Amino acid sequence: MMIDAKDEKEYYVEVKFTKYGTYTFHATSKEHAMEMYNRGDWSDYDEEYDCYNEQVTEVTEEEITEPMQLSLSGVL
C-alpha cells in the first residue's frame, strides 16, 4: 500500500512506566543510606532494561506552520 508522504504527519506518543533500579551506598546504617539517597549521594546505580505497566499519557500532533517564503530581493 502506497501512502502519499504529504498526507503523513508526526505524532508524539508520551508514555509513563515503572522501571526498577538499585542504588548502591557506602553507609553506616539503613537510616544513613536513606539520608544519602535523599541527598542524591550514591556511589552506583543499576537498572533493569525493561519497563512495566506502560500507559499512554498523551498523544499530540505536530504543529504545522505556514511555509516561510524567502526572498533575495535587494541582496544582489
PDB file of N, CA and C in Angstrom:
ATOM      1  N   MET A   1       0.840  -1.170   0.000  1.00  0.00           N
ATOM      2  CA  MET A   1       0.000   0.000   0.000  1.00  0.00           C
ATOM      3  C   MET A   1       0.891   1.242   0.000  1.00  0.00           C
ATOM      4  N   MET A   2       0.717   2.094  -0.955  1.00  0.00           N
ATOM      5  CA  MET A   2       1.494   3.327  -1.052  1.00  0.00           C
ATOM      6  C   MET A   2       0.762   4.442  -0.298  1.00  0.00           C
ATOM      7  N   ILE A   3       1.528   5.177   0.499  1.00  0.00           N
ATOM      8  CA  ILE A   3       0.977   6.314   1.235  1.00  0.00           C
ATOM      9  C   ILE A   3       1.676   7.561   0.745  1.00  0.00           C
ATOM     10  N   ASP A   4       0.891   8.546   0.380  1.00  0.00           N
ATOM     11  CA  ASP A   4       1.461   9.818  -0.051  1.00  0.00           C
ATOM     12  C   ASP A   4       2.094  10.495   1.155  1.00  0.00           C
ATOM     13  N   ALA A   5       3.384  10.766   1.078  1.00  0.00           N
ATOM     14  CA  ALA A   5       4.113  11.360   2.207  1.00  0.00           C
ATOM     15  C   ALA A   5       3.532  12.695   2.626  1.00  0.00           C
ATOM     16  N   LYS A   6       2.865  13.395   1.713  1.00  0.00           N
ATOM     17  CA  LYS A   6       2.281  14.694   2.057  1.00  0.00           C
ATOM     18  C   LYS A   6       1.114  14.537   3.029  1.00  0.00           C
ATOM     19  N   ASP A   7       0.519  13.347   3.088  1.00  0.00           N
ATOM     20  CA  ASP A   7      -0.597  13.107   3.990  1.00  0.00           C
ATOM     21  C   ASP A   7      -0.134  12.694   5.384  1.00  0.00           C
ATOM     22  N   GLU A   8       1.135  12.393   5.531  1.00  0.00           N
ATOM     23  CA  GLU A   8       1.645  11.942   6.826  1.00  0.00           C
ATOM     24  C   GLU A   8       2.099  13.115   7.677  1.00  0.00           C
ATOM     25  N   LYS A   9       1.873  12.978   8.972  1.00  0.00           N
ATOM     26  CA  LYS A   9       2.337  13.960   9.949  1.00  0.00           C
ATOM     27  C   LYS A   9       3.029  13.185  11.056  1.00  0.00           C
ATOM     28  N   GLU A  10       3.797  13.880  11.855  1.00  0.00           N
ATOM     29  CA  GLU A  10       4.405  13.247  13.022  1.00  0.00           C
ATOM     30  C   GLU A  10       3.438  13.332  14.189  1.00  0.00           C
ATOM     31  N   TYR A  11       3.362  12.234  14.919  1.00  0.00           N
ATOM     32  CA  TYR A  11       2.576  12.186  16.145  1.00  0.00           C
ATOM     33  C   TYR A  11       3.511  11.769  17.266  1.00  0.00           C
ATOM     34  N   TYR A  12       3.349  12.381  18.415  1.00  0.00           N
ATOM     35  CA  TYR A  12       4.200  12.101  19.556  1.00  0.00           C
ATOM     36  C   TYR A  12       3.353  11.397  20.620  1.00  0.00           C
ATOM     37  N   VAL A  13       3.726  10.188  20.972  1.00  0.00           N
ATOM     38  CA  VAL A  13       3.001   9.413  21.969  1.00  0.00           C
ATOM     39  C   VAL A  13       3.837   9.411  23.242  1.00  0.00           C
ATOM     40  N   GLU A  14       3.317  10.074  24.278  1.00  0.00           N
ATOM     41  CA  GLU A  14       4.006  10.163  25.565  1.00  0.00           C
ATOM     42  C   GLU A  14       3.524   9.017  26.442  1.00  0.00           C
ATOM     43  N   VAL A  15       4.465   8.354  27.093  1.00  0.00           N
ATOM     44  CA  VAL A  15       4.098   7.240  27.965  1.00  0.00           C
ATOM     45  C   VAL A  15       4.755   7.393  29.326  1.00  0.00           C
ATOM     46  N   LYS A  16       4.169   6.740  30.306  1.00  0.00           N
ATOM     47  CA  LYS A  16       4.814   6.627  31.609  1.00  0.00           C
ATOM     48  C   LYS A  16       4.853   5.144  31.940  1.00  0.00           C
ATOM     49  N   PHE A  17       5.873   4.750  32.685  1.00  0.00           N
ATOM     50  CA  PHE A  17       6.014   3.337  33.014  1.00  0.00           C
ATOM     51  C   PHE A  17       6.822   3.188  34.284  1.00  0.00           C
ATOM     52  N   THR A  18       6.792   1.972  34.820  1.00  0.00           N
ATOM     53  CA  THR A  18       7.547   1.643  36.025  1.00  0.00           C
ATOM     54  C   THR A  18       8.856   0.991  35.624  1.00  0.00           C
ATOM     55  N   LYS A  19       9.936   1.427  36.215  1.00  0.00           N
ATOM     56  CA  LYS A  19      11.252   0.848  35.959  1.00  0.00           C
ATOM     57  C   LYS A  19      11.889   0.572  37.314  1.00  0.00           C
ATOM     58  N   TYR A  20      12.567  -0.542  37.430  1.00  0.00           N
ATOM     59  CA  TYR A  20      13.190  -0.915  38.698  1.00  0.00           C
ATOM     60  C   TYR A  20      14.687  -0.674  38.629  1.00  0.00           C
ATOM     61  N   GLY A  21      15.231  -0.090  39.684  1.00  0.00           N
ATOM     62  CA  GLY A  21      16.658   0.183  39.749  1.00  0.00           C
ATOM     63  C   GLY A  21      17.180  -0.051  41.161  1.00  0.00           C
ATOM     64  N   THR A  22      18.496  -0.127  41.266  1.00  0.00           N
ATOM     65  CA  THR A  22      19.143  -0.336  42.565  1.00  0.00           C
ATOM     66  C   THR A  22      20.257   0.687  42.739  1.00  0.00           C
ATOM     67  N   TYR A  23      20.186   1.441  43.824  1.00  0.00           N
ATOM     68  CA  TYR A  23      21.233   2.393  44.177  1.00  0.00           C
ATOM     69  C   TYR A  23      22.180   1.711  45.159  1.00  0.00           C
ATOM     70  N   THR A  24      23.464   2.010  45.047  1.00  0.00           N
ATOM     71  CA  THR A  24      24.468   1.482  45.978  1.00  0.00           C
ATOM     72  C   THR A  24      24.989   2.627  46.833  1.00  0.00           C
ATOM     73  N   PHE A  25      25.018   2.404  48.156  1.00  0.00           N
ATOM     74  CA  PHE A  25      25.506   3.393  49.111  1.00  0.00           C
ATOM     75  C   PHE A  25      26.578   2.773  49.984  1.00  0.00           C
ATOM     76  N   HIS A  26      27.523   3.572  50.412  1.00  0.00           N
ATOM     77  CA  HIS A  26      28.504   3.179  51.431  1.00  0.00           C
ATOM     78  C   HIS A  26      28.103   3.952  52.678  1.00  0.00           C
ATOM     79  N   ALA A  27      27.308   3.276  53.534  1.00  0.00           N
ATOM     80  CA  ALA A  27      26.707   3.941  54.684  1.00  0.00           C
ATOM     81  C   ALA A  27      26.923   3.114  55.948  1.00  0.00           C
ATOM     82  N   THR A  28      26.638   3.721  57.098  1.00  0.00           N
ATOM     83  CA  THR A  28      26.821   3.041  58.385  1.00  0.00           C
ATOM     84  C   THR A  28      25.547   2.356  58.877  1.00  0.00           C
ATOM     85  N   SER A  29      24.383   2.678  58.279  1.00  0.00           N
ATOM     86  CA  SER A  29      23.121   2.072  58.690  1.00  0.00           C
ATOM     87  C   SER A  29      22.086   2.284  57.581  1.00  0.00           C
ATOM     88  N   LYS A  30      20.920   1.644  57.744  1.00  0.00           N
ATOM     89  CA  LYS A  30      19.834   1.844  56.781  1.00  0.00           C
ATOM     90  C   LYS A  30      19.398   3.308  56.785  1.00  0.00           C
ATOM     91  N   GLU A  31      19.327   3.884  57.980  1.00  0.00           N
ATOM     92  CA  GLU A  31      18.921   5.286  58.090  1.00  0.00           C
ATOM     93  C   GLU A  31      19.920   6.202  57.382  1.00  0.00           C
ATOM     94  N   HIS A  32      21.204   5.910  57.572  1.00  0.00           N
ATOM     95  CA  HIS A  32      22.252   6.689  56.917  1.00  0.00           C
ATOM     96  C   HIS A  32      22.140   6.547  55.398  1.00  0.00           C
ATOM     97  N   ALA A  33      21.863   5.322  54.922  1.00  0.00           N
ATOM     98  CA  ALA A  33      21.694   5.095  53.485  1.00  0.00           C
ATOM     99  C   ALA A  33      20.506   5.904  52.949  1.00  0.00           C
ATOM    100  N   MET A  34      19.406   5.956  53.695  1.00  0.00           N
ATOM    101  CA  MET A  34      18.240   6.739  53.263  1.00  0.00           C
ATOM    102  C   MET A  34      18.546   8.229  53.252  1.00  0.00           C
ATOM    103  N   GLU A  35      19.323   8.706  54.211  1.00  0.00           N
ATOM    104  CA  GLU A  35      19.739  10.114  54.208  1.00  0.00           C
ATOM    105  C   GLU A  35      20.559  10.411  52.953  1.00  0.00           C
ATOM    106  N   MET A  36      21.475   9.494  52.632  1.00  0.00           N
ATOM    107  CA  MET A  36      22.302   9.678  51.442  1.00  0.00           C
ATOM    108  C   MET A  36      21.450   9.647  50.172  1.00  0.00           C
ATOM    109  N   TYR A  37      20.460   8.759  50.140  1.00  0.00           N
ATOM    110  CA  TYR A  37      19.545   8.692  48.993  1.00  0.00           C
ATOM    111  C   TYR A  37      18.813  10.020  48.811  1.00  0.00           C
ATOM    112  N   ASN A  38      18.296  10.559  49.914  1.00  0.00           N
ATOM    113  CA  ASN A  38      17.564  11.826  49.857  1.00  0.00           C
ATOM    114  C   ASN A  38      18.452  12.985  49.412  1.00  0.00           C
ATOM    115  N   ARG A  39      19.742  12.906  49.679  1.00  0.00           N
ATOM    116  CA  ARG A  39      20.701  13.937  49.234  1.00  0.00           C
ATOM    117  C   ARG A  39      21.182  13.681  47.808  1.00  0.00           C
ATOM    118  N   GLY A  40      20.885  12.502  47.261  1.00  0.00           N
ATOM    119  CA  GLY A  40      21.374  12.159  45.922  1.00  0.00           C
ATOM    120  C   GLY A  40      22.834  11.764  45.943  1.00  0.00           C
ATOM    121  N   ASP A  41      23.280  11.202  47.043  1.00  0.00           N
ATOM    122  CA  ASP A  41      24.702  10.899  47.243  1.00  0.00           C
ATOM    123  C   ASP A  41      24.949   9.384  47.187  1.00  0.00           C
ATOM    124  N   TRP A  42      24.774   8.790  46.017  1.00  0.00           N
ATOM    125  CA  TRP A  42      25.017   7.355  45.872  1.00  0.00           C
ATOM    126  C   TRP A  42      26.285   7.112  45.076  1.00  0.00           C
ATOM    127  N   SER A  43      26.843   5.917  45.220  1.00  0.00           N
ATOM    128  CA  SER A  43      28.097   5.621  44.521  1.00  0.00           C
ATOM    129  C   SER A  43      27.872   4.863  43.226  1.00  0.00           C
ATOM    130  N   ASP A  44      26.697   4.214  43.074  1.00  0.00           N
ATOM    131  CA  ASP A  44      26.424   3.476  41.844  1.00  0.00           C
ATOM    132  C   ASP A  44      24.918   3.320  41.687  1.00  0.00           C
ATOM    133  N   TYR A  45      24.481   3.172  40.440  1.00  0.00           N
ATOM    134  CA  TYR A  45      23.078   2.943  40.145  1.00  0.00           C
ATOM    135  C   TYR A  45      23.001   1.907  39.038  1.00  0.00           C
ATOM    136  N   ASP A  46      22.116   0.932  39.197  1.00  0.00           N
ATOM    137  CA  ASP A  46      21.922  -0.108  38.197  1.00  0.00           C
ATOM    138  C   ASP A  46      20.427  -0.248  37.966  1.00  0.00           C
ATOM    139  N   GLU A  47      20.022  -0.395  36.705  1.00  0.00           N
ATOM    140  CA  GLU A  47      18.595  -0.524  36.414  1.00  0.00           C
ATOM    141  C   GLU A  47      18.341  -1.682  35.473  1.00  0.00           C
ATOM    142  N   GLU A  48      17.112  -2.167  35.515  1.00  0.00           N
ATOM    143  CA  GLU A  48      16.705  -3.206  34.579  1.00  0.00           C
ATOM    144  C   GLU A  48      16.499  -2.571  33.208  1.00  0.00           C
ATOM    145  N   TYR A  49      16.673  -3.346  32.184  1.00  0.00           N
ATOM    146  CA  TYR A  49      16.484  -2.843  30.821  1.00  0.00           C
ATOM    147  C   TYR A  49      15.094  -3.173  30.314  1.00  0.00           C
ATOM    148  N   ASP A  50      14.120  -3.154  31.193  1.00  0.00           N
ATOM    149  CA  ASP A  50      12.747  -3.435  30.828  1.00  0.00           C
ATOM    150  C   ASP A  50      11.860  -2.458  31.582  1.00  0.00           C
ATOM    151  N   CYS A  51      10.662  -2.257  31.095  1.00  0.00           N
ATOM    152  CA  CYS A  51       9.731  -1.395  31.804  1.00  0.00           C
ATOM    153  C   CYS A  51       8.409  -2.135  31.960  1.00  0.00           C
ATOM    154  N   TYR A  52       7.654  -1.719  32.956  1.00  0.00           N
ATOM    155  CA  TYR A  52       6.419  -2.402  33.302  1.00  0.00           C
ATOM    156  C   TYR A  52       5.277  -1.406  33.399  1.00  0.00           C
ATOM    157  N   ASN A  53       4.070  -1.878  33.169  1.00  0.00           N
ATOM    158  CA  ASN A  53       2.855  -1.070  33.327  1.00  0.00           C
ATOM    159  C   ASN A  53       2.888   0.197  32.467  1.00  0.00           C
ATOM    160  N   GLU A  54       3.328   0.074  31.228  1.00  0.00           N
ATOM    161  CA  GLU A  54       3.396   1.244  30.352  1.00  0.00           C
ATOM    162  C   GLU A  54       1.991   1.730  30.029  1.00  0.00           C
ATOM    163  N   GLN A  55       1.783   3.048  30.171  1.00  0.00           N
ATOM    164  CA  GLN A  55       0.492   3.667  29.884  1.00  0.00           C
ATOM    165  C   GLN A  55       0.699   4.911  29.040  1.00  0.00           C
ATOM    166  N   VAL A  56      -0.136   5.088  28.043  1.00  0.00           N
ATOM    167  CA  VAL A  56      -0.091   6.294  27.215  1.00  0.00           C
ATOM    168  C   VAL A  56      -0.711   7.425  28.016  1.00  0.00           C
ATOM    169  N   THR A  57       0.017   8.548  28.122  1.00  0.00           N
ATOM    170  CA  THR A  57      -0.493   9.698  28.865  1.00  0.00           C
ATOM    171  C   THR A  57      -0.982  10.810  27.945  1.00  0.00           C
ATOM    172  N   GLU A  58      -0.427  10.876  26.728  1.00  0.00           N
ATOM    173  CA  GLU A  58      -0.830  11.947  25.821  1.00  0.00           C
ATOM    174  C   GLU A  58      -0.368  11.610  24.410  1.00  0.00           C
ATOM    175  N   VAL A  59      -1.191  12.006  23.436  1.00  0.00           N
ATOM    176  CA  VAL A  59      -0.816  11.884  22.032  1.00  0.00           C
ATOM    177  C   VAL A  59      -0.988  13.266  21.421  1.00  0.00           C
ATOM    178  N   THR A  60       0.074  13.796  20.845  1.00  0.00           N
ATOM    179  CA  THR A  60      -0.009  15.121  20.238  1.00  0.00           C
ATOM    180  C   THR A  60       0.404  15.042  18.778  1.00  0.00           C
ATOM    181  N   GLU A  61      -0.143  15.930  18.005  1.00  0.00           N
ATOM    182  CA  GLU A  61       0.145  16.003  16.581  1.00  0.00           C
ATOM    183  C   GLU A  61       1.126  17.140  16.352  1.00  0.00           C
ATOM    184  N   GLU A  62       2.023  16.957  15.396  1.00  0.00           N
ATOM    185  CA  GLU A  62       2.979  18.016  15.112  1.00  0.00           C
ATOM    186  C   GLU A  62       2.242  19.276  14.700  1.00  0.00           C
ATOM    187  N   GLU A  63       2.786  20.394  15.092  1.00  0.00           N
ATOM    188  CA  GLU A  63       2.202  21.667  14.701  1.00  0.00           C
ATOM    189  C   GLU A  63       2.821  22.096  13.386  1.00  0.00           C
ATOM    190  N   ILE A  64       1.966  22.303  12.420  1.00  0.00           N
ATOM    191  CA  ILE A  64       2.452  22.712  11.100  1.00  0.00           C
ATOM    192  C   ILE A  64       2.232  24.207  10.965  1.00  0.00           C
ATOM    193  N   THR A  65       3.309  24.908  10.652  1.00  0.00           N
ATOM    194  CA  THR A  65       3.207  26.344  10.433  1.00  0.00           C
ATOM    195  C   THR A  65       3.262  26.603   8.938  1.00  0.00           C
ATOM    196  N   GLU A  66       2.767  27.728   8.556  1.00  0.00           N
ATOM    197  CA  GLU A  66       2.794  28.086   7.144  1.00  0.00           C
ATOM    198  C   GLU A  66       4.242  28.169   6.671  1.00  0.00           C
ATOM    199  N   PRO A  67       4.519  27.665   5.474  1.00  0.00           N
ATOM    200  CA  PRO A  67       5.903  27.744   4.976  1.00  0.00           C
ATOM    201  C   PRO A  67       6.351  29.196   4.854  1.00  0.00           C
ATOM    202  N   MET A  68       7.584  29.433   5.203  1.00  0.00           N
ATOM    203  CA  MET A  68       8.151  30.773   5.141  1.00  0.00           C
ATOM    204  C   MET A  68       8.664  31.024   3.721  1.00  0.00           C
ATOM    205  N   GLN A  69       8.318  32.157   3.166  1.00  0.00           N
ATOM    206  CA  GLN A  69       8.790  32.481   1.837  1.00  0.00           C
ATOM    207  C   GLN A  69      10.061  33.303   1.975  1.00  0.00           C
ATOM    208  N   LEU A  70      11.129  32.819   1.373  1.00  0.00           N
ATOM    209  CA  LEU A  70      12.388  33.522   1.406  1.00  0.00           C
ATOM    210  C   LEU A  70      12.559  34.341   0.144  1.00  0.00           C
ATOM    211  N   SER A  71      13.113  35.506   0.284  1.00  0.00           N
ATOM    212  CA  SER A  71      13.291  36.389  -0.856  1.00  0.00           C
ATOM    213  C   SER A  71      14.718  36.932  -0.841  1.00  0.00           C
ATOM    214  N   LEU A  72      15.297  36.977  -2.011  1.00  0.00           N
ATOM    215  CA  LEU A  72      16.642  37.538  -2.143  1.00  0.00           C
ATOM    216  C   LEU A  72      16.618  38.937  -2.741  1.00  0.00           C
ATOM    217  N   SER A  73      15.451  39.549  -2.841  1.00  0.00           N
ATOM    218  CA  SER A  73      15.386  40.877  -3.443  1.00  0.00           C
ATOM    219  C   SER A  73      16.158  41.875  -2.581  1.00  0.00           C
ATOM    220  N   GLY A  74      16.934  42.684  -3.253  1.00  0.00           N
ATOM    221  CA  GLY A  74      17.735  43.688  -2.558  1.00  0.00           C
ATOM    222  C   GLY A  74      19.038  43.149  -2.051  1.00  0.00           C
ATOM    223  N   VAL A  75      19.282  41.844  -2.137  1.00  0.00           N
ATOM    224  CA  VAL A  75      20.522  41.265  -1.641  1.00  0.00           C
ATOM    225  C   VAL A  75      21.580  41.308  -2.729  1.00  0.00           C
ATOM    226  N   LEU A  76      21.169  41.039  -3.957  1.00  0.00           N
ATOM    227  CA  LEU A  76      22.137  41.002  -5.055  1.00  0.00           C
ATOM    228  C   LEU A  76      22.284  42.333  -5.725  1.00  0.00           C
TER     229      LEU A  76
END
